[in-house]
Each structure stands twice: as structure tokens, then as C-alpha cells.
Amino acid sequence: MKVSLQCVSTLRSFVAQDDDALAFLTKNDGKFVTAELKAQRSPEHNRMFWAVATRAHFNLPERFRRWQTAHDMVKGLQLAFGITDQVLKPVKGGGMEVHEQPRSLDFGNMDQQEFNDVSSVLFKGMAHCLGVTVDELLGEN
């Protein structure tokens, strides 16, 4: 959700979470700005996601061993499910081509709701590769 806000540091309307945010608020004191509100990511959910991904990767059947790490597996599943961003890359001889690359799962690039949606799809992909249900993958059965 994008909203318009006025930076008013004297009223302490905003609390800076880091030096970059503090510099932004100081520089824009009194100005109107547009901000995108994002739900804060849960470190616990992030740790659980990567623990499940690591366990899933360890137990992959031989036909999926092209993925050397859990990170490779997640990126491969992202490509398979279209969880990608389009980027321009130069081509030999000049010009540019559009390429699909897996979206960043970084805390700063994805809010909690979006991460929930993405991790749900990726859990389905991991479960499919292992031949189990999502509940079995997550140890809920």
C-alpha cells in the first residue's frame, strides 16, 4: 500500500529504524513524501523456511540433484513457478535482452504477506519434488 506522508521530525511522527532512514527523515523534514508500507518480516518464519528447504534439499531424489544447495533448489523452484523479476542483460554484439531471474527473498525486498505467499508456493514445489504432501514436508502429519 502506498501512502502520502509529511515528514515532521519535531513531532516524532516517524521513528527511523536505521541510519539511512534517519538521513531520509532529516533531509525531508517538512516535505511531503510517498512511502510504501510493508508488514515487517518474521525472522522465525524466515528461519523455518530455510530449515525446511535445507531438509528438503538433503532428501531430494537423484533426479533433482542438479541443485547443489538448498539455495539453488529454491531459486530453481522460483523459476519454475514464475516467481521472477525481468531484468535487461547485454547481449554479445550489442543490444539488450529481457531475462527472467528469481526474485530476491531478502527482508528489504519482500514484506511478510508476500513472503508467506511465496513460501507457500515453494513448499508445494518442494513437497512435489519429494513425493510428499505439504503437511508431511512441514512435519504436521
N, C-alpha and C. Protein backbone atom coordinates (compact mmCIF):
# COMPACT_ATOMS: atom_id res chain seq x y z
N MET A 1 0.84 -1.15 0.00
CA MET A 1 0.00 0.00 0.00
C MET A 1 0.89 1.23 0.00
N LYS A 2 0.67 2.15 -0.93
CA LYS A 2 1.44 3.39 -0.98
C LYS A 2 0.59 4.50 -0.39
N VAL A 3 1.24 5.33 0.43
CA VAL A 3 0.55 6.44 1.07
C VAL A 3 1.40 7.69 0.95
N SER A 4 0.76 8.85 1.03
CA SER A 4 1.49 10.12 1.07
C SER A 4 1.59 10.56 2.52
N LEU A 5 2.76 10.97 2.91
CA LEU A 5 3.03 11.37 4.30
C LEU A 5 3.80 12.67 4.31
N GLN A 6 3.71 13.37 5.42
CA GLN A 6 4.55 14.54 5.61
C GLN A 6 5.57 14.21 6.69
N CYS A 7 6.85 14.43 6.37
CA CYS A 7 7.91 14.18 7.35
C CYS A 7 7.92 15.34 8.35
N VAL A 8 7.68 15.04 9.60
CA VAL A 8 7.69 16.06 10.64
C VAL A 8 8.48 15.48 11.81
N SER A 9 9.77 15.71 11.80
CA SER A 9 10.62 15.10 12.82
C SER A 9 10.38 15.69 14.20
N THR A 10 9.95 16.95 14.27
CA THR A 10 9.75 17.56 15.59
C THR A 10 8.61 16.91 16.35
N LEU A 11 7.64 16.34 15.63
CA LEU A 11 6.53 15.66 16.29
C LEU A 11 6.81 14.17 16.47
N ARG A 12 7.98 13.77 16.03
CA ARG A 12 8.36 12.36 16.10
C ARG A 12 7.30 11.46 15.46
N SER A 13 6.85 11.91 14.28
CA SER A 13 5.82 11.15 13.57
C SER A 13 6.35 9.82 13.06
N PHE A 14 7.64 9.77 12.78
CA PHE A 14 8.25 8.54 12.29
C PHE A 14 9.44 8.21 13.17
N VAL A 15 9.71 6.94 13.31
CA VAL A 15 10.89 6.51 14.05
C VAL A 15 11.81 5.82 13.04
N ALA A 16 13.01 6.35 12.92
CA ALA A 16 13.97 5.78 11.98
C ALA A 16 14.47 4.44 12.50
N GLN A 17 14.47 3.43 11.63
CA GLN A 17 14.95 2.10 12.01
C GLN A 17 16.44 1.92 11.78
N ASP A 18 17.05 2.80 11.00
CA ASP A 18 18.47 2.69 10.71
C ASP A 18 19.00 4.05 10.28
N ASP A 19 20.31 4.15 10.03
CA ASP A 19 20.92 5.43 9.65
C ASP A 19 20.38 5.98 8.34
N ASP A 20 20.08 5.10 7.38
CA ASP A 20 19.54 5.57 6.10
C ASP A 20 18.17 6.22 6.29
N ALA A 21 17.33 5.60 7.12
CA ALA A 21 16.00 6.16 7.37
C ALA A 21 16.12 7.49 8.10
N LEU A 22 17.04 7.59 9.06
CA LEU A 22 17.24 8.83 9.80
C LEU A 22 17.70 9.94 8.84
N ALA A 23 18.64 9.63 7.95
CA ALA A 23 19.12 10.62 6.99
C ALA A 23 17.97 11.07 6.07
N PHE A 24 17.13 10.12 5.65
CA PHE A 24 16.00 10.46 4.79
C PHE A 24 15.04 11.40 5.51
N LEU A 25 14.70 11.07 6.76
CA LEU A 25 13.76 11.91 7.51
C LEU A 25 14.34 13.30 7.75
N THR A 26 15.61 13.37 8.07
CA THR A 26 16.26 14.66 8.33
C THR A 26 16.27 15.51 7.07
N LYS A 27 16.63 14.91 5.96
CA LYS A 27 16.73 15.62 4.68
C LYS A 27 15.35 16.10 4.20
N ASN A 28 14.30 15.37 4.54
CA ASN A 28 12.96 15.67 4.03
C ASN A 28 12.03 16.26 5.08
N ASP A 29 12.58 16.76 6.18
CA ASP A 29 11.75 17.33 7.24
C ASP A 29 10.83 18.40 6.67
N GLY A 30 9.54 18.24 6.88
CA GLY A 30 8.54 19.21 6.41
C GLY A 30 8.04 18.96 5.01
N LYS A 31 8.68 18.08 4.27
CA LYS A 31 8.27 17.78 2.90
C LYS A 31 7.23 16.67 2.89
N PHE A 32 6.45 16.63 1.83
CA PHE A 32 5.53 15.52 1.62
C PHE A 32 6.25 14.46 0.80
N VAL A 33 6.11 13.23 1.20
CA VAL A 33 6.77 12.12 0.51
C VAL A 33 5.75 11.00 0.30
N THR A 34 6.07 10.10 -0.60
CA THR A 34 5.27 8.90 -0.79
C THR A 34 6.05 7.74 -0.20
N ALA A 35 5.36 6.92 0.55
CA ALA A 35 6.01 5.78 1.19
C ALA A 35 5.18 4.52 0.93
N GLU A 36 5.86 3.39 0.89
CA GLU A 36 5.17 2.11 0.75
C GLU A 36 5.24 1.41 2.10
N LEU A 37 4.07 1.09 2.65
CA LEU A 37 4.01 0.42 3.94
C LEU A 37 4.11 -1.08 3.71
N LYS A 38 4.98 -1.72 4.46
CA LYS A 38 5.17 -3.15 4.35
C LYS A 38 5.11 -3.77 5.73
N ALA A 39 4.52 -4.95 5.80
CA ALA A 39 4.49 -5.67 7.06
C ALA A 39 5.90 -6.17 7.35
N GLN A 40 6.34 -6.01 8.58
CA GLN A 40 7.68 -6.44 8.95
C GLN A 40 7.79 -7.95 8.82
N ARG A 41 8.93 -8.41 8.32
CA ARG A 41 9.17 -9.84 8.14
C ARG A 41 9.43 -10.50 9.48
N SER A 42 8.99 -11.72 9.59
CA SER A 42 9.21 -12.52 10.79
C SER A 42 10.51 -13.31 10.65
N PRO A 43 11.48 -13.03 11.51
CA PRO A 43 12.73 -13.82 11.45
C PRO A 43 12.47 -15.31 11.71
N GLU A 44 11.49 -15.62 12.56
CA GLU A 44 11.18 -17.02 12.87
C GLU A 44 10.67 -17.75 11.63
N HIS A 45 9.78 -17.09 10.87
CA HIS A 45 9.25 -17.71 9.65
C HIS A 45 10.37 -17.89 8.62
N ASN A 46 11.24 -16.90 8.54
CA ASN A 46 12.36 -16.99 7.61
C ASN A 46 13.28 -18.16 7.98
N ARG A 47 13.59 -18.32 9.27
CA ARG A 47 14.44 -19.44 9.71
C ARG A 47 13.76 -20.78 9.44
N MET A 48 12.44 -20.84 9.71
CA MET A 48 11.69 -22.08 9.48
C MET A 48 11.71 -22.42 7.99
N PHE A 49 11.50 -21.41 7.13
CA PHE A 49 11.51 -21.65 5.69
C PHE A 49 12.84 -22.27 5.26
N TRP A 50 13.95 -21.68 5.68
CA TRP A 50 15.25 -22.18 5.24
C TRP A 50 15.60 -23.51 5.89
N ALA A 51 15.10 -23.79 7.09
CA ALA A 51 15.30 -25.10 7.70
C ALA A 51 14.57 -26.17 6.90
N VAL A 52 13.33 -25.88 6.51
CA VAL A 52 12.57 -26.83 5.69
C VAL A 52 13.24 -27.01 4.33
N ALA A 53 13.69 -25.92 3.72
CA ALA A 53 14.36 -26.01 2.42
C ALA A 53 15.63 -26.85 2.51
N THR A 54 16.39 -26.66 3.58
CA THR A 54 17.64 -27.43 3.77
C THR A 54 17.32 -28.92 3.92
N ARG A 55 16.31 -29.23 4.73
CA ARG A 55 15.92 -30.63 4.93
C ARG A 55 15.40 -31.23 3.63
N ALA A 56 14.59 -30.46 2.90
CA ALA A 56 14.05 -30.95 1.62
C ALA A 56 15.19 -31.22 0.64
N HIS A 57 16.14 -30.30 0.55
CA HIS A 57 17.26 -30.48 -0.38
C HIS A 57 18.07 -31.72 -0.03
N PHE A 58 18.30 -31.95 1.25
CA PHE A 58 19.07 -33.10 1.71
C PHE A 58 18.40 -34.41 1.28
N ASN A 59 17.07 -34.41 1.20
CA ASN A 59 16.32 -35.63 0.90
C ASN A 59 15.83 -35.73 -0.55
N LEU A 60 16.31 -34.84 -1.41
CA LEU A 60 15.86 -34.87 -2.81
C LEU A 60 16.25 -36.17 -3.50
N PRO A 61 15.36 -36.69 -4.35
CA PRO A 61 15.71 -37.86 -5.16
C PRO A 61 16.84 -37.50 -6.14
N GLU A 62 17.48 -38.50 -6.65
CA GLU A 62 18.64 -38.32 -7.53
C GLU A 62 18.34 -37.43 -8.73
N ARG A 63 17.14 -37.53 -9.29
CA ARG A 63 16.82 -36.75 -10.49
C ARG A 63 16.82 -35.24 -10.25
N PHE A 64 16.79 -34.81 -9.00
CA PHE A 64 16.82 -33.38 -8.69
C PHE A 64 18.18 -32.94 -8.15
N ARG A 65 19.18 -33.76 -8.26
CA ARG A 65 20.49 -33.45 -7.70
C ARG A 65 21.25 -32.38 -8.48
N ARG A 66 20.65 -31.83 -9.54
CA ARG A 66 21.31 -30.73 -10.26
C ARG A 66 21.42 -29.50 -9.37
N TRP A 67 20.55 -29.43 -8.35
CA TRP A 67 20.62 -28.33 -7.39
C TRP A 67 21.65 -28.69 -6.32
N GLN A 68 22.75 -27.97 -6.31
CA GLN A 68 23.85 -28.28 -5.40
C GLN A 68 23.57 -27.89 -3.95
N THR A 69 22.73 -26.87 -3.76
CA THR A 69 22.44 -26.38 -2.41
C THR A 69 20.94 -26.13 -2.27
N ALA A 70 20.50 -25.92 -1.04
CA ALA A 70 19.09 -25.56 -0.80
C ALA A 70 18.77 -24.24 -1.48
N HIS A 71 19.71 -23.33 -1.48
CA HIS A 71 19.51 -22.04 -2.15
C HIS A 71 19.28 -22.24 -3.65
N ASP A 72 20.09 -23.11 -4.28
CA ASP A 72 19.91 -23.43 -5.70
C ASP A 72 18.53 -24.02 -5.95
N MET A 73 18.08 -24.90 -5.05
CA MET A 73 16.77 -25.53 -5.18
C MET A 73 15.67 -24.47 -5.13
N VAL A 74 15.75 -23.57 -4.16
CA VAL A 74 14.74 -22.52 -4.02
C VAL A 74 14.72 -21.64 -5.27
N LYS A 75 15.89 -21.25 -5.76
CA LYS A 75 15.94 -20.42 -6.97
C LYS A 75 15.40 -21.17 -8.18
N GLY A 76 15.69 -22.46 -8.29
CA GLY A 76 15.15 -23.27 -9.38
C GLY A 76 13.63 -23.37 -9.32
N LEU A 77 13.10 -23.56 -8.12
CA LEU A 77 11.65 -23.61 -7.95
C LEU A 77 11.01 -22.26 -8.25
N GLN A 78 11.68 -21.19 -7.86
CA GLN A 78 11.16 -19.86 -8.18
C GLN A 78 11.03 -19.69 -9.70
N LEU A 79 12.05 -20.10 -10.43
CA LEU A 79 12.00 -20.02 -11.89
C LEU A 79 10.86 -20.88 -12.44
N ALA A 80 10.70 -22.08 -11.90
CA ALA A 80 9.65 -22.99 -12.38
C ALA A 80 8.26 -22.43 -12.12
N PHE A 81 8.08 -21.74 -11.01
CA PHE A 81 6.77 -21.21 -10.65
C PHE A 81 6.57 -19.76 -11.08
N GLY A 82 7.54 -19.19 -11.77
CA GLY A 82 7.39 -17.82 -12.26
C GLY A 82 7.51 -16.75 -11.19
N ILE A 83 8.20 -17.06 -10.11
CA ILE A 83 8.43 -16.08 -9.05
C ILE A 83 9.73 -15.36 -9.41
N THR A 84 9.59 -14.48 -10.41
CA THR A 84 10.76 -13.89 -11.04
C THR A 84 10.59 -12.39 -11.25
N ASP A 85 11.68 -11.76 -11.54
CA ASP A 85 11.72 -10.38 -11.99
C ASP A 85 12.34 -10.39 -13.38
N GLN A 86 11.93 -9.45 -14.21
CA GLN A 86 12.54 -9.31 -15.53
C GLN A 86 13.67 -8.30 -15.44
N VAL A 87 14.81 -8.68 -15.98
CA VAL A 87 15.97 -7.79 -16.00
C VAL A 87 16.53 -7.72 -17.41
N LEU A 88 17.11 -6.59 -17.73
CA LEU A 88 17.76 -6.43 -19.03
C LEU A 88 19.22 -6.83 -18.90
N LYS A 89 19.68 -7.64 -19.84
CA LYS A 89 21.08 -8.05 -19.85
C LYS A 89 21.66 -7.78 -21.24
N PRO A 90 22.91 -7.33 -21.28
CA PRO A 90 23.52 -7.08 -22.59
C PRO A 90 23.76 -8.39 -23.33
N VAL A 91 23.68 -8.32 -24.63
CA VAL A 91 23.96 -9.50 -25.46
C VAL A 91 25.20 -9.24 -26.29
N LYS A 92 25.87 -10.32 -26.66
CA LYS A 92 27.08 -10.22 -27.46
C LYS A 92 26.75 -9.54 -28.78
N GLY A 93 27.54 -8.58 -29.16
CA GLY A 93 27.30 -7.86 -30.39
C GLY A 93 26.47 -6.60 -30.20
N GLY A 94 26.08 -6.32 -28.96
CA GLY A 94 25.31 -5.11 -28.67
C GLY A 94 23.83 -5.40 -28.45
N GLY A 95 23.18 -4.46 -27.86
CA GLY A 95 21.76 -4.61 -27.58
C GLY A 95 21.51 -5.22 -26.20
N MET A 96 20.24 -5.36 -25.89
CA MET A 96 19.84 -5.90 -24.59
C MET A 96 18.74 -6.93 -24.79
N GLU A 97 18.68 -7.89 -23.88
CA GLU A 97 17.63 -8.90 -23.88
C GLU A 97 16.99 -8.94 -22.50
N VAL A 98 15.71 -9.26 -22.47
CA VAL A 98 15.00 -9.43 -21.20
C VAL A 98 15.21 -10.86 -20.71
N HIS A 99 15.63 -10.99 -19.48
CA HIS A 99 15.83 -12.30 -18.85
C HIS A 99 15.01 -12.36 -17.58
N GLU A 100 14.55 -13.56 -17.27
CA GLU A 100 13.84 -13.80 -16.02
C GLU A 100 14.88 -14.26 -14.99
N GLN A 101 14.82 -13.66 -13.80
CA GLN A 101 15.69 -14.13 -12.73
C GLN A 101 14.85 -14.27 -11.46
N PRO A 102 15.19 -15.23 -10.61
CA PRO A 102 14.42 -15.43 -9.39
C PRO A 102 14.36 -14.15 -8.56
N ARG A 103 13.20 -13.88 -7.98
CA ARG A 103 13.04 -12.69 -7.13
C ARG A 103 13.87 -12.84 -5.87
N SER A 104 14.31 -11.72 -5.36
CA SER A 104 15.06 -11.72 -4.11
C SER A 104 14.11 -11.98 -2.95
N LEU A 105 14.51 -12.85 -2.05
CA LEU A 105 13.73 -13.12 -0.85
C LEU A 105 14.23 -12.31 0.35
N ASP A 106 15.11 -11.35 0.09
CA ASP A 106 15.67 -10.51 1.17
C ASP A 106 14.57 -9.82 1.96
N PHE A 107 14.85 -9.57 3.22
CA PHE A 107 13.92 -8.87 4.10
C PHE A 107 13.52 -7.52 3.52
N GLY A 108 14.46 -6.79 2.93
CA GLY A 108 14.16 -5.47 2.42
C GLY A 108 13.38 -5.47 1.11
N ASN A 109 13.32 -6.61 0.44
CA ASN A 109 12.67 -6.68 -0.86
C ASN A 109 11.27 -7.29 -0.84
N MET A 110 10.89 -7.89 0.28
CA MET A 110 9.62 -8.61 0.30
C MET A 110 9.04 -8.52 1.70
N ASP A 111 7.78 -8.07 1.81
CA ASP A 111 7.17 -7.98 3.13
C ASP A 111 6.66 -9.35 3.56
N GLN A 112 6.13 -9.43 4.79
CA GLN A 112 5.75 -10.72 5.35
C GLN A 112 4.63 -11.39 4.56
N GLN A 113 3.60 -10.66 4.16
CA GLN A 113 2.49 -11.27 3.42
C GLN A 113 2.98 -11.85 2.09
N GLU A 114 3.81 -11.10 1.39
CA GLU A 114 4.35 -11.59 0.12
C GLU A 114 5.22 -12.82 0.36
N PHE A 115 6.04 -12.80 1.43
CA PHE A 115 6.88 -13.95 1.74
C PHE A 115 6.02 -15.17 2.09
N ASN A 116 4.91 -14.94 2.82
CA ASN A 116 4.00 -16.05 3.13
C ASN A 116 3.48 -16.69 1.85
N ASP A 117 3.05 -15.85 0.91
CA ASP A 117 2.52 -16.35 -0.36
C ASP A 117 3.58 -17.12 -1.15
N VAL A 118 4.78 -16.54 -1.24
CA VAL A 118 5.87 -17.17 -1.99
C VAL A 118 6.31 -18.46 -1.31
N SER A 119 6.46 -18.45 0.01
CA SER A 119 6.93 -19.66 0.70
C SER A 119 5.90 -20.77 0.58
N SER A 120 4.61 -20.43 0.57
CA SER A 120 3.57 -21.44 0.40
C SER A 120 3.71 -22.16 -0.95
N VAL A 121 3.94 -21.38 -2.00
CA VAL A 121 4.13 -21.96 -3.34
C VAL A 121 5.39 -22.81 -3.37
N LEU A 122 6.47 -22.30 -2.77
CA LEU A 122 7.74 -23.04 -2.78
C LEU A 122 7.64 -24.31 -1.95
N PHE A 123 6.90 -24.30 -0.84
CA PHE A 123 6.69 -25.52 -0.06
C PHE A 123 5.97 -26.57 -0.92
N LYS A 124 4.99 -26.14 -1.72
CA LYS A 124 4.29 -27.08 -2.61
C LYS A 124 5.27 -27.69 -3.61
N GLY A 125 6.18 -26.86 -4.15
CA GLY A 125 7.18 -27.37 -5.08
C GLY A 125 8.14 -28.35 -4.44
N MET A 126 8.59 -28.03 -3.23
CA MET A 126 9.50 -28.94 -2.51
C MET A 126 8.79 -30.26 -2.23
N ALA A 127 7.53 -30.19 -1.77
CA ALA A 127 6.77 -31.40 -1.47
C ALA A 127 6.61 -32.25 -2.73
N HIS A 128 6.32 -31.61 -3.86
CA HIS A 128 6.17 -32.34 -5.12
C HIS A 128 7.46 -33.06 -5.49
N CYS A 129 8.59 -32.37 -5.36
CA CYS A 129 9.89 -32.99 -5.69
C CYS A 129 10.17 -34.19 -4.80
N LEU A 130 9.72 -34.14 -3.56
CA LEU A 130 9.97 -35.23 -2.62
C LEU A 130 8.89 -36.31 -2.67
N GLY A 131 7.77 -36.03 -3.36
CA GLY A 131 6.68 -37.00 -3.42
C GLY A 131 5.91 -37.11 -2.12
N VAL A 132 5.79 -36.00 -1.40
CA VAL A 132 5.05 -35.97 -0.14
C VAL A 132 4.05 -34.82 -0.19
N THR A 133 3.19 -34.76 0.82
CA THR A 133 2.27 -33.63 0.93
C THR A 133 2.99 -32.48 1.62
N VAL A 134 2.41 -31.29 1.51
CA VAL A 134 2.98 -30.13 2.20
C VAL A 134 2.95 -30.36 3.70
N ASP A 135 1.88 -30.95 4.22
CA ASP A 135 1.80 -31.24 5.66
C ASP A 135 2.93 -32.16 6.10
N GLU A 136 3.19 -33.18 5.28
CA GLU A 136 4.30 -34.11 5.60
C GLU A 136 5.63 -33.38 5.54
N LEU A 137 5.81 -32.52 4.53
CA LEU A 137 7.04 -31.75 4.40
C LEU A 137 7.27 -30.89 5.64
N LEU A 138 6.20 -30.26 6.12
CA LEU A 138 6.31 -29.38 7.27
C LEU A 138 6.25 -30.12 8.59
N GLY A 139 6.11 -31.44 8.54
CA GLY A 139 6.08 -32.23 9.76
C GLY A 139 4.80 -32.07 10.54
N GLU A 140 3.70 -31.76 9.83
CA GLU A 140 2.43 -31.53 10.51
C GLU A 140 1.52 -32.75 10.45
N ASN A 141 2.04 -33.87 10.00
CA ASN A 141 1.26 -35.11 9.95
C ASN A 141 1.95 -36.19 10.74
